[in-house]
């Protein structure tokens, strides 16, 4: 084991778009676990849109990231030293260790993963926070019924791709929204959605109407801004909007001015935000369901991989620009 650990620190709060200058890469002494703690060698780092919100010094559902500390994030890796009987060297775990090669955490914050069931990286995507978000956001908040039309934005991404496939299993007509023809083709041809609208094609409103001739019953929103506005315009009476993410607005210096809120009143639309931690005591239920579908070949999954910790800032910026295709990860080892 090396004597030094490499880390990416949160260096400054972005004003608008994130830049590589908002991060600082350092080498620090290798940490040692205390009583009840575990030292993990991280092998994969998850990059997720929620991290952009944590970079702001604003009230939110989770504390803001602190200047000078390791950038927040989930990892999976291997235990190399343990001072808690629940874990032994060689165990594979998921942990909130952030952007670094090694990290120490209390054993209670680690989750054992089964790499015989699925590759370790899947526990940051399909069988991790994004998949669990899709599971509960769809089943507990969206509550789709067979025959209904569901629209999901960022449809080729880590959450949206799972939402659409689960909705198809539930018997829905599923329409995705994605950026670019390649992503839309993947969503329809590989994931089995009924249609996908390219929001970069310049005709979003009409293309959505054509794809949803019976209107929209459930909208699983990951993007916000003009995309949410366009969907609100064609939603049905007593329809539901699951607000999971608003990535189009995370780097805006001024809030987006919605133009279709009248539809909420006219159609008695229920709009509800969701955070995956709302079901933290039931995460095992989602993983079991997702694992079963994966084993049956009913869920497909794709990853975008950045190589090396030093490239994590670049990969994160690309994610915020929508350049990823599937779940965005950093391979650390």
C-alpha atoms as a PDB file:
ATOM      1  CA  UNK A   1       0.000   0.000   0.000  1.00  0.00           C
ATOM      2  CA  UNK A   2       1.403   3.443  -0.874  1.00  0.00           C
ATOM      3  CA  UNK A   3       2.337   6.023   1.765  1.00  0.00           C
ATOM      4  CA  UNK A   4       0.366   8.812   0.102  1.00  0.00           C
ATOM      5  CA  UNK A   5      -3.261   9.265  -0.913  1.00  0.00           C
ATOM      6  CA  UNK A   6      -4.479  11.367  -3.866  1.00  0.00           C
ATOM      7  CA  UNK A   7      -7.528  13.582  -3.421  1.00  0.00           C
ATOM      8  CA  UNK A   8      -9.606  16.107  -5.354  1.00  0.00           C
ATOM      9  CA  UNK A   9     -10.554  18.985  -3.066  1.00  0.00           C
ATOM     10  CA  UNK A  10     -13.415  21.426  -3.508  1.00  0.00           C
ATOM     11  CA  UNK A  11     -11.442  24.651  -3.997  1.00  0.00           C
ATOM     12  CA  UNK A  12     -14.045  27.355  -4.717  1.00  0.00           C
ATOM     13  CA  UNK A  13     -17.747  27.835  -5.281  1.00  0.00           C
ATOM     14  CA  UNK A  14     -18.616  28.253  -8.976  1.00  0.00           C
ATOM     15  CA  UNK A  15     -20.295  31.384 -10.234  1.00  0.00           C
ATOM     16  CA  UNK A  16     -22.451  29.915 -12.992  1.00  0.00           C
ATOM     17  CA  UNK A  17     -20.740  27.073 -14.840  1.00  0.00           C
ATOM     18  CA  UNK A  18     -18.317  24.759 -13.049  1.00  0.00           C
ATOM     19  CA  UNK A  19     -14.681  24.977 -14.177  1.00  0.00           C
ATOM     20  CA  UNK A  20     -11.647  22.828 -13.429  1.00  0.00           C
ATOM     21  CA  UNK A  21     -10.420  25.755 -11.330  1.00  0.00           C
ATOM     22  CA  UNK A  22     -13.133  24.971  -8.768  1.00  0.00           C
ATOM     23  CA  UNK A  23     -11.125  21.859  -7.809  1.00  0.00           C
ATOM     24  CA  UNK A  24      -7.604  21.238  -6.505  1.00  0.00           C
ATOM     25  CA  UNK A  25      -5.704  17.936  -6.711  1.00  0.00           C
ATOM     26  CA  UNK A  26      -3.425  17.117  -3.774  1.00  0.00           C
ATOM     27  CA  UNK A  27      -1.391  14.267  -2.319  1.00  0.00           C
ATOM     28  CA  UNK A  28      -1.842  13.658   1.409  1.00  0.00           C
ATOM     29  CA  UNK A  29      -0.567  11.053   3.922  1.00  0.00           C
ATOM     30  CA  UNK A  30      -2.378   7.723   3.808  1.00  0.00           C
ATOM     31  CA  UNK A  31      -5.166   7.706   6.421  1.00  0.00           C
ATOM     32  CA  UNK A  32      -5.383   5.010   9.098  1.00  0.00           C
ATOM     33  CA  UNK A  33      -8.668   3.662  10.470  1.00  0.00           C
ATOM     34  CA  UNK A  34      -9.572   4.227  14.104  1.00  0.00           C
ATOM     35  CA  UNK A  35     -11.726   2.038  16.295  1.00  0.00           C
ATOM     36  CA  UNK A  36     -14.926   1.108  14.431  1.00  0.00           C
ATOM     37  CA  UNK A  37     -13.560   2.438  11.142  1.00  0.00           C
ATOM     38  CA  UNK A  38     -12.537   0.908   7.828  1.00  0.00           C
ATOM     39  CA  UNK A  39      -9.926   1.900   5.237  1.00  0.00           C
ATOM     40  CA  UNK A  40     -11.108   1.405   1.647  1.00  0.00           C
ATOM     41  CA  UNK A  41      -9.205   1.490  -1.624  1.00  0.00           C
ATOM     42  CA  UNK A  42     -11.649   3.122  -4.014  1.00  0.00           C
ATOM     43  CA  UNK A  43     -11.983   1.509  -7.431  1.00  0.00           C
ATOM     44  CA  UNK A  44     -14.885   3.502  -8.914  1.00  0.00           C
ATOM     45  CA  UNK A  45     -16.168   7.028  -8.296  1.00  0.00           C
ATOM     46  CA  UNK A  46     -19.700   8.109  -9.167  1.00  0.00           C
ATOM     47  CA  UNK A  47     -20.292  11.502 -10.807  1.00  0.00           C
ATOM     48  CA  UNK A  48     -23.860  12.769 -10.385  1.00  0.00           C
ATOM     49  CA  UNK A  49     -25.809  15.973 -11.095  1.00  0.00           C
ATOM     50  CA  UNK A  50     -26.712  16.447  -7.406  1.00  0.00           C
ATOM     51  CA  UNK A  51     -23.062  17.334  -6.763  1.00  0.00           C
ATOM     52  CA  UNK A  52     -23.577  20.656  -8.539  1.00  0.00           C
ATOM     53  CA  UNK A  53     -26.181  21.639  -5.950  1.00  0.00           C
ATOM     54  CA  UNK A  54     -23.816  20.705  -3.114  1.00  0.00           C
ATOM     55  CA  UNK A  55     -21.290  23.173  -4.523  1.00  0.00           C
ATOM     56  CA  UNK A  56     -23.634  26.085  -3.742  1.00  0.00           C
ATOM     57  CA  UNK A  57     -23.795  27.658  -0.296  1.00  0.00           C
ATOM     58  CA  UNK A  58     -27.571  27.475  -0.134  1.00  0.00           C
ATOM     59  CA  UNK A  59     -30.194  25.722   1.957  1.00  0.00           C
ATOM     60  CA  UNK A  60     -30.928  22.287   0.542  1.00  0.00           C
ATOM     61  CA  UNK A  61     -31.838  18.732   1.544  1.00  0.00           C
ATOM     62  CA  UNK A  62     -28.142  18.023   2.302  1.00  0.00           C
ATOM     63  CA  UNK A  63     -25.273  20.137   3.695  1.00  0.00           C
ATOM     64  CA  UNK A  64     -23.253  22.179   1.231  1.00  0.00           C
ATOM     65  CA  UNK A  65     -19.798  20.917   0.304  1.00  0.00           C
ATOM     66  CA  UNK A  66     -17.076  22.667   2.312  1.00  0.00           C
ATOM     67  CA  UNK A  67     -14.246  24.588   0.711  1.00  0.00           C
ATOM     68  CA  UNK A  68     -10.935  22.792   1.148  1.00  0.00           C
ATOM     69  CA  UNK A  69     -12.443  19.369   1.817  1.00  0.00           C
ATOM     70  CA  UNK A  70     -12.589  16.264  -0.394  1.00  0.00           C
ATOM     71  CA  UNK A  71     -15.345  16.678  -2.998  1.00  0.00           C
ATOM     72  CA  UNK A  72     -18.400  14.661  -2.028  1.00  0.00           C
ATOM     73  CA  UNK A  73     -19.390  11.487  -3.839  1.00  0.00           C
ATOM     74  CA  UNK A  74     -20.134   7.777  -3.643  1.00  0.00           C
ATOM     75  CA  UNK A  75     -17.447   5.189  -4.338  1.00  0.00           C
ATOM     76  CA  UNK A  76     -17.119   1.439  -4.510  1.00  0.00           C
ATOM     77  CA  UNK A  77     -13.929  -0.325  -3.610  1.00  0.00           C
ATOM     78  CA  UNK A  78     -12.137  -2.914  -1.519  1.00  0.00           C
ATOM     79  CA  UNK A  79     -11.471  -2.958   2.210  1.00  0.00           C
ATOM     80  CA  UNK A  80      -7.721  -2.905   2.877  1.00  0.00           C
ATOM     81  CA  UNK A  81      -7.787  -2.492   6.669  1.00  0.00           C
ATOM     82  CA  UNK A  82     -10.590  -2.771   9.196  1.00  0.00           C
ATOM     83  CA  UNK A  83     -11.032  -2.074  12.877  1.00  0.00           C
ATOM     84  CA  UNK A  84     -14.632  -3.209  12.929  1.00  0.00           C
ATOM     85  CA  UNK A  85     -15.732  -6.878  12.979  1.00  0.00           C
ATOM     86  CA  UNK A  86     -18.386  -6.263  10.293  1.00  0.00           C
ATOM     87  CA  UNK A  87     -15.741  -5.951   7.546  1.00  0.00           C
ATOM     88  CA  UNK A  88     -12.551  -7.750   6.609  1.00  0.00           C
ATOM     89  CA  UNK A  89      -9.782  -6.951   4.105  1.00  0.00           C
ATOM     90  CA  UNK A  90     -10.897  -7.961   0.628  1.00  0.00           C
ATOM     91  CA  UNK A  91     -14.580  -7.165   1.192  1.00  0.00           C
ATOM     92  CA  UNK A  92     -16.210  -5.130  -1.596  1.00  0.00           C
ATOM     93  CA  UNK A  93     -18.165  -2.120  -0.362  1.00  0.00           C
ATOM     94  CA  UNK A  94     -19.985   1.051  -1.376  1.00  0.00           C
ATOM     95  CA  UNK A  95     -19.100   4.118   0.684  1.00  0.00           C
ATOM     96  CA  UNK A  96     -19.512   7.932   0.744  1.00  0.00           C
ATOM     97  CA  UNK A  97     -15.752   8.528   0.511  1.00  0.00           C
ATOM     98  CA  UNK A  98     -15.706  11.219  -2.163  1.00  0.00           C
ATOM     99  CA  UNK A  99     -13.136  12.049  -4.811  1.00  0.00           C
ATOM    100  CA  UNK A 100     -10.038  10.232  -3.541  1.00  0.00           C
ATOM    101  CA  UNK A 101      -8.116   7.000  -4.054  1.00  0.00           C
ATOM    102  CA  UNK A 102      -8.346   5.824  -0.431  1.00  0.00           C
ATOM    103  CA  UNK A 103     -10.709   6.782   2.355  1.00  0.00           C
ATOM    104  CA  UNK A 104     -11.640   5.997   5.943  1.00  0.00           C
ATOM    105  CA  UNK A 105     -15.247   5.737   7.080  1.00  0.00           C
ATOM    106  CA  UNK A 106     -17.158   4.408  10.057  1.00  0.00           C
ATOM    107  CA  UNK A 107     -18.297   0.862   9.365  1.00  0.00           C
ATOM    108  CA  UNK A 108     -21.948   1.899   9.727  1.00  0.00           C
ATOM    109  CA  UNK A 109     -21.588   4.064   6.613  1.00  0.00           C
ATOM    110  CA  UNK A 110     -20.426   1.181   4.404  1.00  0.00           C
ATOM    111  CA  UNK A 111     -22.661  -1.133   2.386  1.00  0.00           C
ATOM    112  CA  UNK A 112     -21.407  -4.568   1.386  1.00  0.00           C
ATOM    113  CA  UNK A 113     -21.882  -5.344  -2.310  1.00  0.00           C
ATOM    114  CA  UNK A 114     -22.100  -8.667  -4.115  1.00  0.00           C
ATOM    115  CA  UNK A 115     -19.847  -8.630  -7.174  1.00  0.00           C
ATOM    116  CA  UNK A 116     -20.999 -12.151  -8.058  1.00  0.00           C
ATOM    117  CA  UNK A 117     -24.442 -10.674  -8.738  1.00  0.00           C
ATOM    118  CA  UNK A 118     -23.264  -7.709 -10.835  1.00  0.00           C
ATOM    119  CA  UNK A 119     -20.019  -5.808 -11.571  1.00  0.00           C
ATOM    120  CA  UNK A 120     -18.882  -3.501  -8.778  1.00  0.00           C
ATOM    121  CA  UNK A 121     -19.555  -0.368 -10.869  1.00  0.00           C
ATOM    122  CA  UNK A 122     -23.240  -1.282 -11.139  1.00  0.00           C
ATOM    123  CA  UNK A 123     -23.625  -0.473  -7.423  1.00  0.00           C
ATOM    124  CA  UNK A 124     -23.082   3.189  -8.297  1.00  0.00           C
ATOM    125  CA  UNK A 125     -25.628   3.080 -11.112  1.00  0.00           C
ATOM    126  CA  UNK A 126     -28.325   0.542 -11.842  1.00  0.00           C
ATOM    127  CA  UNK A 127     -28.054  -1.062  -8.381  1.00  0.00           C
ATOM    128  CA  UNK A 128     -27.028   2.164  -6.651  1.00  0.00           C
ATOM    129  CA  UNK A 129     -28.434   5.608  -6.029  1.00  0.00           C
ATOM    130  CA  UNK A 130     -29.666   6.242  -9.619  1.00  0.00           C
ATOM    131  CA  UNK A 131     -31.477   2.900  -9.887  1.00  0.00           C
ATOM    132  CA  UNK A 132     -32.961   3.241  -6.408  1.00  0.00           C
ATOM    133  CA  UNK A 133     -34.073   6.785  -7.279  1.00  0.00           C
ATOM    134  CA  UNK A 134     -35.793   5.493 -10.401  1.00  0.00           C
ATOM    135  CA  UNK A 135     -37.489   2.681  -8.480  1.00  0.00           C
ATOM    136  CA  UNK A 136     -39.051   4.761  -5.713  1.00  0.00           C
ATOM    137  CA  UNK A 137     -39.620   7.897  -7.790  1.00  0.00           C
ATOM    138  CA  UNK A 138     -41.616   5.868 -10.285  1.00  0.00           C
ATOM    139  CA  UNK A 139     -43.458   3.424  -8.040  1.00  0.00           C
ATOM    140  CA  UNK A 140     -44.065   5.587  -4.968  1.00  0.00           C
ATOM    141  CA  UNK A 141     -44.424   9.068  -6.465  1.00  0.00           C
ATOM    142  CA  UNK A 142     -45.365   8.660 -10.140  1.00  0.00           C
ATOM    143  CA  UNK A 143     -47.569   5.595  -9.579  1.00  0.00           C
ATOM    144  CA  UNK A 144     -48.080   4.747 -13.266  1.00  0.00           C
ATOM    145  CA  UNK A 145     -50.939   2.536 -14.385  1.00  0.00           C
ATOM    146  CA  UNK A 146     -51.022   0.187 -17.390  1.00  0.00           C
ATOM    147  CA  UNK A 147     -51.945   2.023 -20.583  1.00  0.00           C
ATOM    148  CA  UNK A 148     -50.845   5.448 -19.325  1.00  0.00           C
ATOM    149  CA  UNK A 149     -48.292   7.594 -21.149  1.00  0.00           C
ATOM    150  CA  UNK A 150     -45.114   8.392 -19.239  1.00  0.00           C
ATOM    151  CA  UNK A 151     -42.517  10.932 -20.370  1.00  0.00           C
ATOM    152  CA  UNK A 152     -39.017  10.935 -18.903  1.00  0.00           C
ATOM    153  CA  UNK A 153     -36.350  13.533 -19.632  1.00  0.00           C
ATOM    154  CA  UNK A 154     -32.610  12.777 -19.729  1.00  0.00           C
ATOM    155  CA  UNK A 155     -33.875   9.429 -20.974  1.00  0.00           C
ATOM    156  CA  UNK A 156     -30.477   7.938 -21.790  1.00  0.00           C
ATOM    157  CA  UNK A 157     -29.008   8.898 -18.419  1.00  0.00           C
ATOM    158  CA  UNK A 158     -28.472   6.853 -15.288  1.00  0.00           C
ATOM    159  CA  UNK A 159     -31.912   7.557 -13.768  1.00  0.00           C
ATOM    160  CA  UNK A 160     -34.016   8.194 -16.872  1.00  0.00           C
ATOM    161  CA  UNK A 161     -32.998   4.998 -18.646  1.00  0.00           C
ATOM    162  CA  UNK A 162     -34.094   2.900 -15.666  1.00  0.00           C
ATOM    163  CA  UNK A 163     -37.336   4.833 -15.181  1.00  0.00           C
ATOM    164  CA  UNK A 164     -38.387   4.230 -18.779  1.00  0.00           C
ATOM    165  CA  UNK A 165     -37.615   0.522 -18.691  1.00  0.00           C
ATOM    166  CA  UNK A 166     -39.472   0.057 -15.397  1.00  0.00           C
ATOM    167  CA  UNK A 167     -42.458   1.948 -16.791  1.00  0.00           C
ATOM    168  CA  UNK A 168     -42.517  -0.378 -19.817  1.00  0.00           C
ATOM    169  CA  UNK A 169     -42.578  -3.320 -17.414  1.00  0.00           C
ATOM    170  CA  UNK A 170     -45.587  -1.647 -15.749  1.00  0.00           C
ATOM    171  CA  UNK A 171     -47.396  -1.553 -19.115  1.00  0.00           C
ATOM    172  CA  UNK A 172     -47.023   2.131 -19.963  1.00  0.00           C
ATOM    173  CA  UNK A 173     -46.431   3.880 -23.250  1.00  0.00           C
ATOM    174  CA  UNK A 174     -43.009   5.444 -22.631  1.00  0.00           C
ATOM    175  CA  UNK A 175     -41.630   8.511 -24.393  1.00  0.00           C
ATOM    176  CA  UNK A 176     -38.125   9.713 -23.680  1.00  0.00           C
ATOM    177  CA  UNK A 177     -36.541  13.116 -24.174  1.00  0.00           C
ATOM    178  CA  UNK A 178     -32.810  13.137 -24.918  1.00  0.00           C
ATOM    179  CA  UNK A 179     -30.186  15.290 -26.589  1.00  0.00           C
ATOM    180  CA  UNK A 180     -29.103  14.077 -30.008  1.00  0.00           C
ATOM    181  CA  UNK A 181     -30.120  11.418 -32.499  1.00  0.00           C
ATOM    182  CA  UNK A 182     -27.680   8.803 -31.176  1.00  0.00           C
ATOM    183  CA  UNK A 183     -29.146   8.969 -27.675  1.00  0.00           C
ATOM    184  CA  UNK A 184     -32.710   8.844 -28.993  1.00  0.00           C
ATOM    185  CA  UNK A 185     -31.914   5.840 -31.185  1.00  0.00           C
ATOM    186  CA  UNK A 186     -30.400   4.045 -28.173  1.00  0.00           C
ATOM    187  CA  UNK A 187     -33.446   4.785 -26.019  1.00  0.00           C
ATOM    188  CA  UNK A 188     -35.851   3.344 -28.587  1.00  0.00           C
ATOM    189  CA  UNK A 189     -33.824   0.575 -30.212  1.00  0.00           C
ATOM    190  CA  UNK A 190     -31.900  -0.721 -27.182  1.00  0.00           C
ATOM    191  CA  UNK A 191     -34.017   0.217 -24.152  1.00  0.00           C
ATOM    192  CA  UNK A 192     -37.387  -0.396 -25.800  1.00  0.00           C
ATOM    193  CA  UNK A 193     -39.069   2.994 -25.318  1.00  0.00           C
ATOM    194  CA  UNK A 194     -42.000   3.650 -27.665  1.00  0.00           C
ATOM    195  CA  UNK A 195     -40.575   6.973 -28.843  1.00  0.00           C
ATOM    196  CA  UNK A 196     -37.892   9.525 -28.044  1.00  0.00           C
ATOM    197  CA  UNK A 197     -37.866  13.253 -28.750  1.00  0.00           C
ATOM    198  CA  UNK A 198     -34.586  14.995 -29.544  1.00  0.00           C
ATOM    199  CA  UNK A 199     -34.689  18.304 -27.674  1.00  0.00           C
ATOM    200  CA  UNK A 200     -31.771  19.557 -29.755  1.00  0.00           C
ATOM    201  CA  UNK A 201     -33.699  19.194 -33.027  1.00  0.00           C
ATOM    202  CA  UNK A 202     -35.410  22.558 -32.594  1.00  0.00           C
ATOM    203  CA  UNK A 203     -39.075  21.435 -32.596  1.00  0.00           C
ATOM    204  CA  UNK A 204     -39.582  20.178 -29.064  1.00  0.00           C
ATOM    205  CA  UNK A 205     -43.201  21.193 -28.494  1.00  0.00           C
ATOM    206  CA  UNK A 206     -44.576  19.727 -31.729  1.00  0.00           C
ATOM    207  CA  UNK A 207     -42.394  16.632 -31.583  1.00  0.00           C
ATOM    208  CA  UNK A 208     -43.693  15.947 -28.062  1.00  0.00           C
ATOM    209  CA  UNK A 209     -47.288  16.329 -29.196  1.00  0.00           C
ATOM    210  CA  UNK A 210     -46.686  13.900 -32.047  1.00  0.00           C
ATOM    211  CA  UNK A 211     -45.085  11.374 -29.700  1.00  0.00           C
ATOM    212  CA  UNK A 212     -47.853  11.696 -27.094  1.00  0.00           C
ATOM    213  CA  UNK A 213     -51.143  11.760 -29.069  1.00  0.00           C
ATOM    214  CA  UNK A 214     -53.149  10.957 -25.918  1.00  0.00           C
ATOM    215  CA  UNK A 215     -51.335  13.478 -23.740  1.00  0.00           C
ATOM    216  CA  UNK A 216     -49.108  12.731 -20.746  1.00  0.00           C
ATOM    217  CA  UNK A 217     -50.182  11.030 -17.531  1.00  0.00           C
ATOM    218  CA  UNK A 218     -46.825  10.877 -15.720  1.00  0.00           C
ATOM    219  CA  UNK A 219     -43.805  13.104 -16.264  1.00  0.00           C
ATOM    220  CA  UNK A 220     -40.560  12.012 -14.621  1.00  0.00           C
ATOM    221  CA  UNK A 221     -38.576  15.237 -14.669  1.00  0.00           C
ATOM    222  CA  UNK A 222     -34.784  15.250 -14.597  1.00  0.00           C
ATOM    223  CA  UNK A 223     -34.041  18.419 -16.564  1.00  0.00           C
ATOM    224  CA  UNK A 224     -36.504  21.249 -15.911  1.00  0.00           C
ATOM    225  CA  UNK A 225     -36.536  24.600 -17.712  1.00  0.00           C
ATOM    226  CA  UNK A 226     -38.010  24.659 -21.236  1.00  0.00           C
ATOM    227  CA  UNK A 227     -38.317  20.869 -21.303  1.00  0.00           C
ATOM    228  CA  UNK A 228     -40.582  20.784 -18.257  1.00  0.00           C
ATOM    229  CA  UNK A 229     -42.552  23.694 -19.705  1.00  0.00           C
ATOM    230  CA  UNK A 230     -43.128  21.791 -22.951  1.00  0.00           C
ATOM    231  CA  UNK A 231     -44.373  18.696 -21.129  1.00  0.00           C
ATOM    232  CA  UNK A 232     -46.683  20.678 -18.823  1.00  0.00           C
ATOM    233  CA  UNK A 233     -48.455  22.011 -21.912  1.00  0.00           C
ATOM    234  CA  UNK A 234     -49.684  18.519 -22.920  1.00  0.00           C
ATOM    235  CA  UNK A 235     -50.367  16.893 -19.568  1.00  0.00           C
ATOM    236  CA  UNK A 236     -53.736  15.276 -18.881  1.00  0.00           C
ATOM    237  CA  UNK A 237     -56.212  16.004 -16.090  1.00  0.00           C
ATOM    238  CA  UNK A 238     -55.076  14.542 -12.755  1.00  0.00           C
ATOM    239  CA  UNK A 239     -51.634  13.711 -14.140  1.00  0.00           C
ATOM    240  CA  UNK A 240     -48.472  13.551 -12.007  1.00  0.00           C
ATOM    241  CA  UNK A 241     -45.048  15.187 -12.232  1.00  0.00           C
ATOM    242  CA  UNK A 242     -42.136  13.595 -10.356  1.00  0.00           C
ATOM    243  CA  UNK A 243     -39.465  16.264  -9.893  1.00  0.00           C
ATOM    244  CA  UNK A 244     -36.253  14.281  -9.548  1.00  0.00           C
ATOM    245  CA  UNK A 245     -33.768  16.746 -11.021  1.00  0.00           C
ATOM    246  CA  UNK A 246     -33.489  20.150 -12.695  1.00  0.00           C
ATOM    247  CA  UNK A 247     -30.082  19.906 -14.340  1.00  0.00           C
ATOM    248  CA  UNK A 248     -30.910  22.614 -16.901  1.00  0.00           C
ATOM    249  CA  UNK A 249     -31.188  25.087 -14.035  1.00  0.00           C
ATOM    250  CA  UNK A 250     -28.285  24.091 -11.777  1.00  0.00           C
ATOM    251  CA  UNK A 251     -25.790  26.479 -13.355  1.00  0.00           C
ATOM    252  CA  UNK A 252     -28.211  29.283 -14.232  1.00  0.00           C
ATOM    253  CA  UNK A 253     -27.494  32.679 -12.698  1.00  0.00           C
ATOM    254  CA  UNK A 254     -31.194  33.573 -12.842  1.00  0.00           C
ATOM    255  CA  UNK A 255     -34.177  31.252 -12.216  1.00  0.00           C
ATOM    256  CA  UNK A 256     -36.047  30.019 -15.265  1.00  0.00           C
ATOM    257  CA  UNK A 257     -39.432  31.675 -15.807  1.00  0.00           C
ATOM    258  CA  UNK A 258     -42.024  28.956 -16.330  1.00  0.00           C
ATOM    259  CA  UNK A 259     -44.754  29.754 -18.855  1.00  0.00           C
ATOM    260  CA  UNK A 260     -47.078  26.766 -18.557  1.00  0.00           C
ATOM    261  CA  UNK A 261     -47.995  26.786 -14.856  1.00  0.00           C
ATOM    262  CA  UNK A 262     -51.617  27.443 -15.811  1.00  0.00           C
ATOM    263  CA  UNK A 263     -51.746  23.808 -16.889  1.00  0.00           C
ATOM    264  CA  UNK A 264     -51.184  22.776 -13.254  1.00  0.00           C
ATOM    265  CA  UNK A 265     -54.414  24.517 -12.286  1.00  0.00           C
ATOM    266  CA  UNK A 266     -56.496  23.606 -15.322  1.00  0.00           C
ATOM    267  CA  UNK A 267     -55.474  19.933 -15.267  1.00  0.00           C
ATOM    268  CA  UNK A 268     -55.195  19.576 -11.471  1.00  0.00           C
ATOM    269  CA  UNK A 269     -51.673  18.255 -11.864  1.00  0.00           C
ATOM    270  CA  UNK A 270     -49.880  16.905  -8.800  1.00  0.00           C
ATOM    271  CA  UNK A 271     -46.226  17.985  -8.731  1.00  0.00           C
ATOM    272  CA  UNK A 272     -44.017  16.348  -6.131  1.00  0.00           C
ATOM    273  CA  UNK A 273     -40.284  16.433  -5.568  1.00  0.00           C
ATOM    274  CA  UNK A 274     -38.433  13.309  -4.498  1.00  0.00           C
ATOM    275  CA  UNK A 275     -35.067  12.598  -2.899  1.00  0.00           C
ATOM    276  CA  UNK A 276     -33.814   9.017  -2.740  1.00  0.00           C
ATOM    277  CA  UNK A 277     -32.966   9.327   0.973  1.00  0.00           C
ATOM    278  CA  UNK A 278     -36.703   9.618   1.703  1.00  0.00           C
ATOM    279  CA  UNK A 279     -36.739   5.804   1.394  1.00  0.00           C
ATOM    280  CA  UNK A 280     -33.361   5.100   3.007  1.00  0.00           C
ATOM    281  CA  UNK A 281     -34.819   2.329   5.169  1.00  0.00           C
ATOM    282  CA  UNK A 282     -36.183   0.549   2.076  1.00  0.00           C
ATOM    283  CA  UNK A 283     -33.219   0.707  -0.297  1.00  0.00           C
ATOM    284  CA  UNK A 284     -32.764  -3.051  -0.058  1.00  0.00           C
ATOM    285  CA  UNK A 285     -36.256  -3.509  -1.472  1.00  0.00           C
ATOM    286  CA  UNK A 286     -35.336  -1.538  -4.589  1.00  0.00           C
ATOM    287  CA  UNK A 287     -32.004  -3.320  -5.062  1.00  0.00           C
ATOM    288  CA  UNK A 288     -33.755  -6.683  -4.813  1.00  0.00           C
ATOM    289  CA  UNK A 289     -36.334  -5.691  -7.431  1.00  0.00           C
ATOM    290  CA  UNK A 290     -33.768  -4.188  -9.787  1.00  0.00           C
ATOM    291  CA  UNK A 291     -31.469  -7.207  -9.379  1.00  0.00           C
ATOM    292  CA  UNK A 292     -34.298  -9.556 -10.269  1.00  0.00           C
ATOM    293  CA  UNK A 293     -35.131  -7.656 -13.451  1.00  0.00           C
ATOM    294  CA  UNK A 294     -31.437  -7.454 -14.349  1.00  0.00           C
ATOM    295  CA  UNK A 295     -31.059 -11.205 -13.893  1.00  0.00           C
ATOM    296  CA  UNK A 296     -34.084 -11.790 -16.107  1.00  0.00           C
ATOM    297  CA  UNK A 297     -32.591  -9.626 -18.852  1.00  0.00           C
ATOM    298  CA  UNK A 298     -35.369  -7.042 -18.550  1.00  0.00           C
ATOM    299  CA  UNK A 299     -33.090  -4.104 -17.696  1.00  0.00           C
ATOM    300  CA  UNK A 300     -30.246  -2.823 -19.855  1.00  0.00           C
ATOM    301  CA  UNK A 301     -27.518  -0.529 -18.603  1.00  0.00           C
ATOM    302  CA  UNK A 302     -24.776   1.636 -20.085  1.00  0.00           C
ATOM    303  CA  UNK A 303     -21.787   3.435 -18.565  1.00  0.00           C
ATOM    304  CA  UNK A 304     -19.648   6.432 -19.561  1.00  0.00           C
ATOM    305  CA  UNK A 305     -16.186   5.999 -18.039  1.00  0.00           C
ATOM    306  CA  UNK A 306     -13.478   8.564 -17.373  1.00  0.00           C
ATOM    307  CA  UNK A 307     -10.043   7.125 -16.628  1.00  0.00           C
ATOM    308  CA  UNK A 308      -8.184   8.311 -13.541  1.00  0.00           C
ATOM    309  CA  UNK A 309      -8.945  10.526 -10.561  1.00  0.00           C
ATOM    310  CA  UNK A 310      -7.177  13.533 -12.082  1.00  0.00           C
ATOM    311  CA  UNK A 311      -9.791  13.554 -14.856  1.00  0.00           C
ATOM    312  CA  UNK A 312     -12.776  13.570 -12.481  1.00  0.00           C
ATOM    313  CA  UNK A 313     -13.331  17.358 -12.736  1.00  0.00           C
ATOM    314  CA  UNK A 314     -13.342  17.142 -16.530  1.00  0.00           C
ATOM    315  CA  UNK A 315     -15.804  14.249 -16.436  1.00  0.00           C
ATOM    316  CA  UNK A 316     -18.088  16.124 -14.057  1.00  0.00           C
ATOM    317  CA  UNK A 317     -18.163  19.190 -16.284  1.00  0.00           C
ATOM    318  CA  UNK A 318     -18.992  16.983 -19.271  1.00  0.00           C
ATOM    319  CA  UNK A 319     -21.862  15.426 -17.284  1.00  0.00           C
ATOM    320  CA  UNK A 320     -23.328  18.849 -16.540  1.00  0.00           C
ATOM    321  CA  UNK A 321     -23.187  19.641 -20.258  1.00  0.00           C
ATOM    322  CA  UNK A 322     -25.050  16.440 -21.131  1.00  0.00           C
ATOM    323  CA  UNK A 323     -22.084  14.834 -22.852  1.00  0.00           C
ATOM    324  CA  UNK A 324     -22.330  11.564 -20.917  1.00  0.00           C
ATOM    325  CA  UNK A 325     -24.087   8.524 -22.368  1.00  0.00           C
ATOM    326  CA  UNK A 326     -25.510   6.474 -19.510  1.00  0.00           C
ATOM    327  CA  UNK A 327     -24.110   6.460 -15.980  1.00  0.00           C
ATOM    328  CA  UNK A 328     -21.019   8.658 -15.562  1.00  0.00           C
ATOM    329  CA  UNK A 329     -18.167   6.999 -13.641  1.00  0.00           C
ATOM    330  CA  UNK A 330     -14.478   7.458 -12.958  1.00  0.00           C
ATOM    331  CA  UNK A 331     -12.321   4.349 -12.969  1.00  0.00           C
ATOM    332  CA  UNK A 332      -9.799   4.728 -10.161  1.00  0.00           C
ATOM    333  CA  UNK A 333      -8.076   1.335 -10.191  1.00  0.00           C
END
